Amino acid sequence: LPAFLYDESMLDPTRKRQGCLRGYYLKRVFRHIFTGPSSAILANAHKGNKAPKGRMHGMTSPLPRAIAYAAVQAYFQLSSATQWRQQIEDFDLVLFYDRVVDMFEGNPNEQWVEETLNHW
């Protein structure tokens, strides 16, 4: 998985999920999309005229599929692609989205899932 998904302070080579989906950049992209651009830097800031997308869709807490969507958007932003497409070089964004979703939904009772969602 791409490095931006990880909280670098939690990295442990023996535990691949340790710190995964807690990366600084990923959280900023998520906030930009779902709570508004100004909240990307300051968590509780909202200065726009329109309601944030998360509120418009009734989201009260981060959902696995929203986190996966933010991960795909973050990857695209960091890539060299100039227009949206499913595949960027050898990296398939749809498979990436599905893999992130599966991390949550494949084993919903796993301790990592609960800890990660609580972190968000």
Protein backbone atom coordinates (compact mmCIF):
# COMPACT_ATOMS: atom_id res chain seq x y z
CA LEU A 1 0.00 0.00 0.00
CA PRO A 2 1.18 3.58 -0.62
CA ALA A 3 3.20 5.18 2.17
CA PHE A 4 0.87 8.19 2.54
CA LEU A 5 -1.73 5.87 4.07
CA TYR A 6 0.43 5.31 7.14
CA ASP A 7 1.10 7.23 10.33
CA GLU A 8 4.89 7.04 10.18
CA SER A 9 5.21 7.19 13.97
CA MET A 10 3.37 3.86 14.24
CA LEU A 11 5.23 1.88 11.55
CA ASP A 12 6.14 -1.67 12.51
CA PRO A 13 7.50 -3.95 9.76
CA THR A 14 6.15 -7.02 11.56
CA ARG A 15 2.59 -5.61 11.74
CA LYS A 16 1.65 -4.31 8.28
CA ARG A 17 -1.66 -2.79 9.37
CA GLN A 18 -0.12 -0.90 12.28
CA GLY A 19 -0.71 2.80 11.52
CA CYS A 20 -2.39 2.02 8.19
CA LEU A 21 -5.13 4.46 7.10
CA ARG A 22 -4.00 6.99 9.70
CA GLY A 23 -1.63 8.99 7.52
CA TYR A 24 -1.45 12.77 7.86
CA TYR A 25 -2.04 13.46 4.16
CA LEU A 26 -4.93 10.98 3.93
CA LYS A 27 -6.70 12.64 6.85
CA ARG A 28 -6.26 16.08 5.27
CA VAL A 29 -7.70 14.92 1.96
CA PHE A 30 -10.65 13.29 3.77
CA ARG A 31 -11.39 16.48 5.68
CA HIS A 32 -11.08 18.60 2.55
CA ILE A 33 -13.67 16.44 0.78
CA PHE A 34 -16.12 15.66 3.58
CA THR A 35 -15.88 18.52 6.10
CA GLY A 36 -14.71 21.35 3.85
CA PRO A 37 -11.40 22.75 2.55
CA SER A 38 -10.73 24.96 5.57
CA SER A 39 -11.02 21.97 7.91
CA ALA A 40 -8.19 20.18 6.12
CA ILE A 41 -5.75 22.12 8.28
CA LEU A 42 -7.88 23.02 11.30
CA ALA A 43 -10.12 20.06 12.20
CA ASN A 44 -13.17 22.05 13.35
CA ALA A 45 -12.95 24.97 10.95
CA HIS A 46 -15.79 25.59 8.50
CA LYS A 47 -15.80 28.87 6.63
CA GLY A 48 -17.55 28.01 3.38
CA ASN A 49 -21.02 29.04 2.28
CA LYS A 50 -22.12 25.53 1.36
CA ALA A 51 -22.65 22.62 3.72
CA PRO A 52 -19.76 20.13 3.65
CA LYS A 53 -20.33 16.98 1.59
CA GLY A 54 -20.27 14.80 4.69
CA ARG A 55 -23.12 16.75 6.25
CA MET A 56 -25.05 16.82 2.95
CA HIS A 57 -24.91 13.01 2.88
CA GLY A 58 -25.79 12.57 6.56
CA MET A 59 -22.33 11.36 7.54
CA THR A 60 -21.81 11.73 11.29
CA SER A 61 -18.55 9.80 11.45
CA PRO A 62 -16.02 8.59 8.87
CA LEU A 63 -17.23 5.50 7.04
CA PRO A 64 -14.93 2.86 5.50
CA ARG A 65 -16.04 3.62 1.93
CA ALA A 66 -15.52 7.35 2.46
CA ILE A 67 -12.01 6.69 3.77
CA ALA A 68 -11.35 4.51 0.71
CA TYR A 69 -12.68 7.26 -1.58
CA ALA A 70 -10.35 9.79 0.07
CA ALA A 71 -7.43 7.36 -0.36
CA VAL A 72 -8.14 7.11 -4.10
CA GLN A 73 -8.39 10.89 -4.42
CA ALA A 74 -5.15 11.33 -2.48
CA TYR A 75 -3.33 8.85 -4.72
CA PHE A 76 -4.58 10.61 -7.83
CA GLN A 77 -3.48 14.01 -6.49
CA LEU A 78 0.02 12.70 -5.79
CA SER A 79 0.31 11.00 -9.18
CA SER A 80 1.56 12.45 -12.43
CA ALA A 81 -1.81 11.88 -14.13
CA THR A 82 -3.33 14.95 -15.73
CA GLN A 83 -6.84 13.54 -16.07
CA TRP A 84 -8.93 11.03 -14.18
CA ARG A 85 -8.59 7.41 -15.25
CA GLN A 86 -8.89 4.00 -13.61
CA GLN A 87 -5.28 3.01 -14.18
CA ILE A 88 -2.26 5.22 -13.49
CA GLU A 89 0.74 3.41 -14.90
CA ASP A 90 0.56 -0.02 -13.17
CA PHE A 91 -1.69 1.14 -10.32
CA ASP A 92 -5.42 0.37 -10.61
CA LEU A 93 -7.48 2.86 -8.59
CA VAL A 94 -10.62 0.69 -8.55
CA LEU A 95 -8.68 -2.27 -7.16
CA PHE A 96 -7.08 0.09 -4.63
CA TYR A 97 -10.50 1.33 -3.50
CA ASP A 98 -11.77 -2.25 -3.24
CA ARG A 99 -8.72 -3.31 -1.24
CA VAL A 100 -9.14 -0.48 1.28
CA VAL A 101 -12.85 -1.24 1.65
CA ASP A 102 -12.06 -4.93 2.12
CA MET A 103 -9.65 -4.09 4.93
CA PHE A 104 -12.69 -2.86 6.85
CA GLU A 105 -15.53 -4.98 5.55
CA GLY A 106 -13.66 -8.26 5.02
CA ASN A 107 -13.20 -8.75 8.77
CA PRO A 108 -15.53 -6.25 10.45
CA ASN A 109 -14.96 -7.67 13.95
CA GLU A 110 -11.18 -7.46 13.76
CA GLN A 111 -9.57 -5.27 16.43
CA TRP A 112 -7.72 -3.22 13.79
CA VAL A 113 -11.04 -2.18 12.19
CA GLU A 114 -12.47 -0.92 15.48
CA GLU A 115 -9.26 0.87 16.46
CA THR A 116 -8.91 2.53 13.05
CA LEU A 117 -12.52 3.74 12.90
CA ASN A 118 -12.29 5.01 16.49
CA HIS A 119 -9.12 6.88 15.54
CA TRP A 120 -10.98 8.74 12.82
